[in-house]
Amino acid sequence: MGYWFLLLTVRVLSRRPGAQMTPFEFVLIPLIGGVIILTTIGDDHSDINTVCAVITVGLMHRLVSSLKQRFPLFGILVDGTPLVLLKKGE
């Protein structure tokens, strides 16, 4: 059950290819996987707790994403500033 819910959640939350994902989204996927593993391997094997934990992480992702769009300074804080490695061939 946890695997299918994880697959559905990742499909709903992230519609971008890997090259366009933000660092925050790269952290999000292992975090959700870790939440599912903890609820699967731990003492509590409840599907409801697994779903609630994944939904909470997903909602927090949406909240941070909307705050990044509304407040650009917050986006810089979360994602950092881009580093230019190559500019006009130099």
PDB file of N, CA and C in Angstrom:
ATOM      1  N   MET A   1       0.830  -1.188   0.000  1.00  0.00           N
ATOM      2  CA  MET A   1       0.000   0.000   0.000  1.00  0.00           C
ATOM      3  C   MET A   1       0.877   1.254   0.000  1.00  0.00           C
ATOM      4  N   GLY A   2       1.908   1.267   0.813  1.00  0.00           N
ATOM      5  CA  GLY A   2       2.775   2.437   0.923  1.00  0.00           C
ATOM      6  C   GLY A   2       3.466   2.768  -0.387  1.00  0.00           C
ATOM      7  N   TYR A   3       3.904   1.747  -1.112  1.00  0.00           N
ATOM      8  CA  TYR A   3       4.589   1.971  -2.388  1.00  0.00           C
ATOM      9  C   TYR A   3       3.657   2.645  -3.390  1.00  0.00           C
ATOM     10  N   TRP A   4       2.440   2.166  -3.495  1.00  0.00           N
ATOM     11  CA  TRP A   4       1.492   2.729  -4.456  1.00  0.00           C
ATOM     12  C   TRP A   4       1.132   4.161  -4.098  1.00  0.00           C
ATOM     13  N   PHE A   5       0.984   4.430  -2.821  1.00  0.00           N
ATOM     14  CA  PHE A   5       0.679   5.785  -2.407  1.00  0.00           C
ATOM     15  C   PHE A   5       1.865   6.710  -2.660  1.00  0.00           C
ATOM     16  N   LEU A   6       3.081   6.219  -2.445  1.00  0.00           N
ATOM     17  CA  LEU A   6       4.277   6.999  -2.746  1.00  0.00           C
ATOM     18  C   LEU A   6       4.355   7.307  -4.237  1.00  0.00           C
ATOM     19  N   LEU A   7       4.089   6.327  -5.068  1.00  0.00           N
ATOM     20  CA  LEU A   7       4.106   6.528  -6.511  1.00  0.00           C
ATOM     21  C   LEU A   7       3.081   7.572  -6.937  1.00  0.00           C
ATOM     22  N   LEU A   8       1.895   7.487  -6.417  1.00  0.00           N
ATOM     23  CA  LEU A   8       0.841   8.463  -6.721  1.00  0.00           C
ATOM     24  C   LEU A   8       1.226   9.861  -6.251  1.00  0.00           C
ATOM     25  N   THR A   9       1.763   9.963  -5.064  1.00  0.00           N
ATOM     26  CA  THR A   9       2.134  11.266  -4.507  1.00  0.00           C
ATOM     27  C   THR A   9       3.243  11.923  -5.310  1.00  0.00           C
ATOM     28  N   VAL A  10       4.244  11.171  -5.687  1.00  0.00           N
ATOM     29  CA  VAL A  10       5.346  11.733  -6.470  1.00  0.00           C
ATOM     30  C   VAL A  10       4.836  12.189  -7.830  1.00  0.00           C
ATOM     31  N   ARG A  11       3.916  11.441  -8.438  1.00  0.00           N
ATOM     32  CA  ARG A  11       3.351  11.840  -9.732  1.00  0.00           C
ATOM     33  C   ARG A  11       2.534  13.122  -9.605  1.00  0.00           C
ATOM     34  N   VAL A  12       1.828  13.297  -8.505  1.00  0.00           N
ATOM     35  CA  VAL A  12       1.002  14.485  -8.318  1.00  0.00           C
ATOM     36  C   VAL A  12       1.861  15.691  -7.950  1.00  0.00           C
ATOM     37  N   LEU A  13       2.850  15.512  -7.091  1.00  0.00           N
ATOM     38  CA  LEU A  13       3.640  16.640  -6.596  1.00  0.00           C
ATOM     39  C   LEU A  13       4.667  17.138  -7.591  1.00  0.00           C
ATOM     40  N   SER A  14       5.272  16.271  -8.346  1.00  0.00           N
ATOM     41  CA  SER A  14       6.385  16.677  -9.201  1.00  0.00           C
ATOM     42  C   SER A  14       6.081  16.317 -10.652  1.00  0.00           C
ATOM     43  N   ARG A  15       5.841  17.320 -11.456  1.00  0.00           N
ATOM     44  CA  ARG A  15       5.552  17.110 -12.866  1.00  0.00           C
ATOM     45  C   ARG A  15       6.723  17.525 -13.759  1.00  0.00           C
ATOM     46  N   ARG A  16       7.880  17.760 -13.186  1.00  0.00           N
ATOM     47  CA  ARG A  16       9.033  18.212 -13.958  1.00  0.00           C
ATOM     48  C   ARG A  16      10.030  17.083 -14.144  1.00  0.00           C
ATOM     49  N   PRO A  17      10.774  17.122 -15.257  1.00  0.00           N
ATOM     50  CA  PRO A  17      11.855  16.131 -15.417  1.00  0.00           C
ATOM     51  C   PRO A  17      12.970  16.372 -14.401  1.00  0.00           C
ATOM     52  N   GLY A  18      13.819  15.389 -14.214  1.00  0.00           N
ATOM     53  CA  GLY A  18      14.878  15.474 -13.210  1.00  0.00           C
ATOM     54  C   GLY A  18      15.791  16.668 -13.373  1.00  0.00           C
ATOM     55  N   ALA A  19      16.069  17.090 -14.597  1.00  0.00           N
ATOM     56  CA  ALA A  19      16.982  18.212 -14.815  1.00  0.00           C
ATOM     57  C   ALA A  19      16.388  19.537 -14.353  1.00  0.00           C
ATOM     58  N   GLN A  20      15.066  19.615 -14.255  1.00  0.00           N
ATOM     59  CA  GLN A  20      14.421  20.861 -13.862  1.00  0.00           C
ATOM     60  C   GLN A  20      13.972  20.864 -12.407  1.00  0.00           C
ATOM     61  N   MET A  21      14.256  19.815 -11.671  1.00  0.00           N
ATOM     62  CA  MET A  21      13.836  19.747 -10.274  1.00  0.00           C
ATOM     63  C   MET A  21      14.718  20.644  -9.420  1.00  0.00           C
ATOM     64  N   THR A  22      14.109  21.242  -8.419  1.00  0.00           N
ATOM     65  CA  THR A  22      14.856  22.086  -7.499  1.00  0.00           C
ATOM     66  C   THR A  22      15.527  21.202  -6.451  1.00  0.00           C
ATOM     67  N   PRO A  23      16.549  21.726  -5.754  1.00  0.00           N
ATOM     68  CA  PRO A  23      17.176  20.932  -4.690  1.00  0.00           C
ATOM     69  C   PRO A  23      16.168  20.496  -3.619  1.00  0.00           C
ATOM     70  N   PHE A  24      15.178  21.344  -3.365  1.00  0.00           N
ATOM     71  CA  PHE A  24      14.152  21.013  -2.380  1.00  0.00           C
ATOM     72  C   PHE A  24      13.377  19.766  -2.805  1.00  0.00           C
ATOM     73  N   GLU A  25      13.089  19.638  -4.105  1.00  0.00           N
ATOM     74  CA  GLU A  25      12.363  18.467  -4.590  1.00  0.00           C
ATOM     75  C   GLU A  25      13.229  17.210  -4.569  1.00  0.00           C
ATOM     76  N   PHE A  26      14.535  17.365  -4.771  1.00  0.00           N
ATOM     77  CA  PHE A  26      15.429  16.216  -4.665  1.00  0.00           C
ATOM     78  C   PHE A  26      15.469  15.681  -3.239  1.00  0.00           C
ATOM     79  N   VAL A  27      15.281  16.534  -2.260  1.00  0.00           N
ATOM     80  CA  VAL A  27      15.251  16.107  -0.861  1.00  0.00           C
ATOM     81  C   VAL A  27      13.887  15.512  -0.528  1.00  0.00           C
ATOM     82  N   LEU A  28      12.855  16.006  -1.166  1.00  0.00           N
ATOM     83  CA  LEU A  28      11.489  15.587  -0.864  1.00  0.00           C
ATOM     84  C   LEU A  28      11.260  14.097  -1.141  1.00  0.00           C
ATOM     85  N   ILE A  29      11.774  13.597  -2.246  1.00  0.00           N
ATOM     86  CA  ILE A  29      11.503  12.211  -2.637  1.00  0.00           C
ATOM     87  C   ILE A  29      12.102  11.202  -1.642  1.00  0.00           C
ATOM     88  N   PRO A  30      13.389  11.329  -1.247  1.00  0.00           N
ATOM     89  CA  PRO A  30      13.887  10.390  -0.215  1.00  0.00           C
ATOM     90  C   PRO A  30      13.200  10.578   1.137  1.00  0.00           C
ATOM     91  N   LEU A  31      12.761  11.809   1.433  1.00  0.00           N
ATOM     92  CA  LEU A  31      12.067  12.055   2.696  1.00  0.00           C
ATOM     93  C   LEU A  31      10.753  11.280   2.746  1.00  0.00           C
ATOM     94  N   ILE A  32       9.996  11.353   1.660  1.00  0.00           N
ATOM     95  CA  ILE A  32       8.730  10.614   1.628  1.00  0.00           C
ATOM     96  C   ILE A  32       8.997   9.112   1.685  1.00  0.00           C
ATOM     97  N   GLY A  33      10.031   8.657   0.966  1.00  0.00           N
ATOM     98  CA  GLY A  33      10.386   7.234   1.039  1.00  0.00           C
ATOM     99  C   GLY A  33      10.768   6.809   2.442  1.00  0.00           C
ATOM    100  N   GLY A  34      11.507   7.668   3.145  1.00  0.00           N
ATOM    101  CA  GLY A  34      11.879   7.361   4.526  1.00  0.00           C
ATOM    102  C   GLY A  34      10.679   7.300   5.450  1.00  0.00           C
ATOM    103  N   VAL A  35       9.712   8.183   5.223  1.00  0.00           N
ATOM    104  CA  VAL A  35       8.485   8.163   6.031  1.00  0.00           C
ATOM    105  C   VAL A  35       7.747   6.847   5.815  1.00  0.00           C
ATOM    106  N   ILE A  36       7.663   6.408   4.583  1.00  0.00           N
ATOM    107  CA  ILE A  36       6.961   5.149   4.302  1.00  0.00           C
ATOM    108  C   ILE A  36       7.716   3.966   4.899  1.00  0.00           C
ATOM    109  N   ILE A  37       9.033   3.982   4.830  1.00  0.00           N
ATOM    110  CA  ILE A  37       9.805   2.879   5.416  1.00  0.00           C
ATOM    111  C   ILE A  37       9.613   2.834   6.928  1.00  0.00           C
ATOM    112  N   LEU A  38       9.622   4.006   7.569  1.00  0.00           N
ATOM    113  CA  LEU A  38       9.429   4.023   9.022  1.00  0.00           C
ATOM    114  C   LEU A  38       8.067   3.474   9.415  1.00  0.00           C
ATOM    115  N   THR A  39       7.035   3.811   8.650  1.00  0.00           N
ATOM    116  CA  THR A  39       5.711   3.302   9.012  1.00  0.00           C
ATOM    117  C   THR A  39       5.540   1.841   8.604  1.00  0.00           C
ATOM    118  N   THR A  40       6.327   1.362   7.650  1.00  0.00           N
ATOM    119  CA  THR A  40       6.221  -0.034   7.227  1.00  0.00           C
ATOM    120  C   THR A  40       7.020  -0.961   8.144  1.00  0.00           C
ATOM    121  N   ILE A  41       8.233  -0.550   8.489  1.00  0.00           N
ATOM    122  CA  ILE A  41       9.113  -1.403   9.280  1.00  0.00           C
ATOM    123  C   ILE A  41       8.883  -1.227  10.775  1.00  0.00           C
ATOM    124  N   GLY A  42       8.444  -0.056  11.193  1.00  0.00           N
ATOM    125  CA  GLY A  42       8.276   0.229  12.612  1.00  0.00           C
ATOM    126  C   GLY A  42       7.186  -0.617  13.256  1.00  0.00           C
ATOM    127  N   ASP A  43       6.864  -0.294  14.486  1.00  0.00           N
ATOM    128  CA  ASP A  43       5.861  -1.053  15.238  1.00  0.00           C
ATOM    129  C   ASP A  43       4.447  -0.820  14.723  1.00  0.00           C
ATOM    130  N   ASP A  44       4.210   0.354  14.130  1.00  0.00           N
ATOM    131  CA  ASP A  44       2.868   0.697  13.665  1.00  0.00           C
ATOM    132  C   ASP A  44       2.775   0.439  12.162  1.00  0.00           C
ATOM    133  N   HIS A  45       1.976  -0.531  11.764  1.00  0.00           N
ATOM    134  CA  HIS A  45       1.845  -0.904  10.353  1.00  0.00           C
ATOM    135  C   HIS A  45       0.538  -0.389   9.756  1.00  0.00           C
ATOM    136  N   SER A  46       0.016   0.697  10.291  1.00  0.00           N
ATOM    137  CA  SER A  46      -1.260   1.228   9.851  1.00  0.00           C
ATOM    138  C   SER A  46      -1.124   1.960   8.514  1.00  0.00           C
ATOM    139  N   ASP A  47      -2.006   1.645   7.582  1.00  0.00           N
ATOM    140  CA  ASP A  47      -2.016   2.342   6.295  1.00  0.00           C
ATOM    141  C   ASP A  47      -2.447   3.795   6.466  1.00  0.00           C
ATOM    142  N   ILE A  48      -3.337   4.048   7.402  1.00  0.00           N
ATOM    143  CA  ILE A  48      -3.805   5.421   7.644  1.00  0.00           C
ATOM    144  C   ILE A  48      -2.644   6.308   8.105  1.00  0.00           C
ATOM    145  N   ASN A  49      -1.809   5.813   8.995  1.00  0.00           N
ATOM    146  CA  ASN A  49      -0.668   6.604   9.447  1.00  0.00           C
ATOM    147  C   ASN A  49       0.315   6.868   8.308  1.00  0.00           C
ATOM    148  N   THR A  50       0.506   5.883   7.438  1.00  0.00           N
ATOM    149  CA  THR A  50       1.384   6.069   6.288  1.00  0.00           C
ATOM    150  C   THR A  50       0.839   7.148   5.374  1.00  0.00           C
ATOM    151  N   VAL A  51      -0.433   7.071   5.056  1.00  0.00           N
ATOM    152  CA  VAL A  51      -1.065   8.052   4.169  1.00  0.00           C
ATOM    153  C   VAL A  51      -1.025   9.446   4.797  1.00  0.00           C
ATOM    154  N   CYS A  52      -1.325   9.551   6.080  1.00  0.00           N
ATOM    155  CA  CYS A  52      -1.294  10.855   6.760  1.00  0.00           C
ATOM    156  C   CYS A  52       0.111  11.447   6.772  1.00  0.00           C
ATOM    157  N   ALA A  53       1.121  10.625   6.994  1.00  0.00           N
ATOM    158  CA  ALA A  53       2.493  11.121   7.011  1.00  0.00           C
ATOM    159  C   ALA A  53       2.913  11.622   5.634  1.00  0.00           C
ATOM    160  N   VAL A  54       2.577  10.892   4.590  1.00  0.00           N
ATOM    161  CA  VAL A  54       2.944  11.303   3.237  1.00  0.00           C
ATOM    162  C   VAL A  54       2.167  12.546   2.823  1.00  0.00           C
ATOM    163  N   ILE A  55       0.898  12.617   3.154  1.00  0.00           N
ATOM    164  CA  ILE A  55       0.101  13.813   2.844  1.00  0.00           C
ATOM    165  C   ILE A  55       0.665  15.026   3.562  1.00  0.00           C
ATOM    166  N   THR A  56       1.091  14.870   4.799  1.00  0.00           N
ATOM    167  CA  THR A  56       1.677  15.987   5.538  1.00  0.00           C
ATOM    168  C   THR A  56       2.938  16.491   4.854  1.00  0.00           C
ATOM    169  N   VAL A  57       3.816  15.581   4.450  1.00  0.00           N
ATOM    170  CA  VAL A  57       5.040  15.988   3.757  1.00  0.00           C
ATOM    171  C   VAL A  57       4.690  16.652   2.424  1.00  0.00           C
ATOM    172  N   GLY A  58       3.713  16.111   1.704  1.00  0.00           N
ATOM    173  CA  GLY A  58       3.288  16.695   0.438  1.00  0.00           C
ATOM    174  C   GLY A  58       2.700  18.086   0.600  1.00  0.00           C
ATOM    175  N   LEU A  59       1.895  18.280   1.622  1.00  0.00           N
ATOM    176  CA  LEU A  59       1.315  19.601   1.876  1.00  0.00           C
ATOM    177  C   LEU A  59       2.383  20.607   2.286  1.00  0.00           C
ATOM    178  N   MET A  60       3.365  20.162   3.044  1.00  0.00           N
ATOM    179  CA  MET A  60       4.464  21.057   3.403  1.00  0.00           C
ATOM    180  C   MET A  60       5.249  21.459   2.147  1.00  0.00           C
ATOM    181  N   HIS A  61       5.416  20.520   1.211  1.00  0.00           N
ATOM    182  CA  HIS A  61       6.081  20.832  -0.059  1.00  0.00           C
ATOM    183  C   HIS A  61       5.301  21.895  -0.819  1.00  0.00           C
ATOM    184  N   ARG A  62       3.991  21.740  -0.892  1.00  0.00           N
ATOM    185  CA  ARG A  62       3.156  22.731  -1.584  1.00  0.00           C
ATOM    186  C   ARG A  62       3.232  24.085  -0.890  1.00  0.00           C
ATOM    187  N   LEU A  63       3.240  24.092   0.429  1.00  0.00           N
ATOM    188  CA  LEU A  63       3.325  25.346   1.190  1.00  0.00           C
ATOM    189  C   LEU A  63       4.644  26.059   0.911  1.00  0.00           C
ATOM    190  N   VAL A  64       5.737  25.327   0.967  1.00  0.00           N
ATOM    191  CA  VAL A  64       7.046  25.943   0.700  1.00  0.00           C
ATOM    192  C   VAL A  64       7.119  26.428  -0.744  1.00  0.00           C
ATOM    193  N   SER A  65       6.568  25.662  -1.682  1.00  0.00           N
ATOM    194  CA  SER A  65       6.580  26.080  -3.086  1.00  0.00           C
ATOM    195  C   SER A  65       5.787  27.366  -3.291  1.00  0.00           C
ATOM    196  N   SER A  66       4.639  27.464  -2.662  1.00  0.00           N
ATOM    197  CA  SER A  66       3.848  28.685  -2.820  1.00  0.00           C
ATOM    198  C   SER A  66       4.503  29.875  -2.118  1.00  0.00           C
ATOM    199  N   LEU A  67       5.158  29.640  -0.987  1.00  0.00           N
ATOM    200  CA  LEU A  67       5.878  30.729  -0.318  1.00  0.00           C
ATOM    201  C   LEU A  67       7.061  31.196  -1.158  1.00  0.00           C
ATOM    202  N   LYS A  68       7.716  30.268  -1.866  1.00  0.00           N
ATOM    203  CA  LYS A  68       8.828  30.643  -2.742  1.00  0.00           C
ATOM    204  C   LYS A  68       8.342  31.516  -3.895  1.00  0.00           C
ATOM    205  N   GLN A  69       7.160  31.228  -4.417  1.00  0.00           N
ATOM    206  CA  GLN A  69       6.628  32.037  -5.517  1.00  0.00           C
ATOM    207  C   GLN A  69       6.176  33.407  -5.030  1.00  0.00           C
ATOM    208  N   ARG A  70       5.599  33.443  -3.863  1.00  0.00           N
ATOM    209  CA  ARG A  70       5.071  34.716  -3.344  1.00  0.00           C
ATOM    210  C   ARG A  70       6.167  35.629  -2.814  1.00  0.00           C
ATOM    211  N   PHE A  71       7.170  35.033  -2.163  1.00  0.00           N
ATOM    212  CA  PHE A  71       8.266  35.799  -1.562  1.00  0.00           C
ATOM    213  C   PHE A  71       9.589  35.327  -2.167  1.00  0.00           C
ATOM    214  N   PRO A  72      10.123  36.055  -3.149  1.00  0.00           N
ATOM    215  CA  PRO A  72      11.367  35.627  -3.805  1.00  0.00           C
ATOM    216  C   PRO A  72      12.546  35.487  -2.839  1.00  0.00           C
ATOM    217  N   LEU A  73      12.588  36.289  -1.794  1.00  0.00           N
ATOM    218  CA  LEU A  73      13.666  36.181  -0.817  1.00  0.00           C
ATOM    219  C   LEU A  73      13.618  34.835  -0.097  1.00  0.00           C
ATOM    220  N   PHE A  74      12.419  34.349   0.161  1.00  0.00           N
ATOM    221  CA  PHE A  74      12.260  33.037   0.777  1.00  0.00           C
ATOM    222  C   PHE A  74      12.758  31.943  -0.176  1.00  0.00           C
ATOM    223  N   GLY A  75      12.504  32.119  -1.476  1.00  0.00           N
ATOM    224  CA  GLY A  75      12.997  31.169  -2.473  1.00  0.00           C
ATOM    225  C   GLY A  75      14.512  31.107  -2.510  1.00  0.00           C
ATOM    226  N   ILE A  76      15.148  32.266  -2.374  1.00  0.00           N
ATOM    227  CA  ILE A  76      16.615  32.293  -2.328  1.00  0.00           C
ATOM    228  C   ILE A  76      17.116  31.584  -1.079  1.00  0.00           C
ATOM    229  N   LEU A  77      16.414  31.766   0.024  1.00  0.00           N
ATOM    230  CA  LEU A  77      16.801  31.113   1.276  1.00  0.00           C
ATOM    231  C   LEU A  77      16.686  29.592   1.165  1.00  0.00           C
ATOM    232  N   VAL A  78      15.617  29.112   0.539  1.00  0.00           N
ATOM    233  CA  VAL A  78      15.394  27.667   0.437  1.00  0.00           C
ATOM    234  C   VAL A  78      16.287  27.030  -0.637  1.00  0.00           C
ATOM    235  N   ASP A  79      16.338  27.623  -1.824  1.00  0.00           N
ATOM    236  CA  ASP A  79      17.059  27.020  -2.943  1.00  0.00           C
ATOM    237  C   ASP A  79      18.492  27.505  -3.081  1.00  0.00           C
ATOM    238  N   GLY A  80      18.820  28.642  -2.484  1.00  0.00           N
ATOM    239  CA  GLY A  80      20.153  29.204  -2.649  1.00  0.00           C
ATOM    240  C   GLY A  80      20.231  30.023  -3.923  1.00  0.00           C
ATOM    241  N   THR A  81      21.348  30.648  -4.140  1.00  0.00           N
ATOM    242  CA  THR A  81      21.530  31.447  -5.342  1.00  0.00           C
ATOM    243  C   THR A  81      22.280  30.617  -6.382  1.00  0.00           C
ATOM    244  N   PRO A  82      21.934  30.797  -7.644  1.00  0.00           N
ATOM    245  CA  PRO A  82      22.623  30.014  -8.677  1.00  0.00           C
ATOM    246  C   PRO A  82      24.069  30.459  -8.839  1.00  0.00           C
ATOM    247  N   LEU A  83      24.915  29.530  -9.157  1.00  0.00           N
ATOM    248  CA  LEU A  83      26.331  29.796  -9.379  1.00  0.00           C
ATOM    249  C   LEU A  83      26.616  29.670 -10.869  1.00  0.00           C
ATOM    250  N   VAL A  84      27.112  30.737 -11.473  1.00  0.00           N
ATOM    251  CA  VAL A  84      27.400  30.746 -12.909  1.00  0.00           C
ATOM    252  C   VAL A  84      28.778  30.118 -13.115  1.00  0.00           C
ATOM    253  N   LEU A  85      28.805  28.993 -13.813  1.00  0.00           N
ATOM    254  CA  LEU A  85      30.066  28.301 -14.077  1.00  0.00           C
ATOM    255  C   LEU A  85      30.654  28.678 -15.422  1.00  0.00           C
ATOM    256  N   LEU A  86      29.791  28.969 -16.373  1.00  0.00           N
ATOM    257  CA  LEU A  86      30.250  29.276 -17.726  1.00  0.00           C
ATOM    258  C   LEU A  86      29.403  30.411 -18.261  1.00  0.00           C
ATOM    259  N   LYS A  87      30.056  31.510 -18.650  1.00  0.00           N
ATOM    260  CA  LYS A  87      29.331  32.673 -19.168  1.00  0.00           C
ATOM    261  C   LYS A  87      30.007  33.129 -20.448  1.00  0.00           C
ATOM    262  N   LYS A  88      29.266  33.050 -21.566  1.00  0.00           N
ATOM    263  CA  LYS A  88      29.773  33.451 -22.881  1.00  0.00           C
ATOM    264  C   LYS A  88      31.069  32.729 -23.243  1.00  0.00           C
ATOM    265  N   GLY A  89      31.125  31.443 -22.947  1.00  0.00           N
ATOM    266  CA  GLY A  89      32.273  30.623 -23.317  1.00  0.00           C
ATOM    267  C   GLY A  89      33.474  30.734 -22.381  1.00  0.00           C
ATOM    268  N   GLU A  90      33.370  31.504 -21.343  1.00  0.00           N
ATOM    269  CA  GLU A  90      34.505  31.666 -20.410  1.00  0.00           C
ATOM    270  C   GLU A  90      34.189  31.052 -19.049  1.00  0.00           C
TER     271      GLU A  90
END
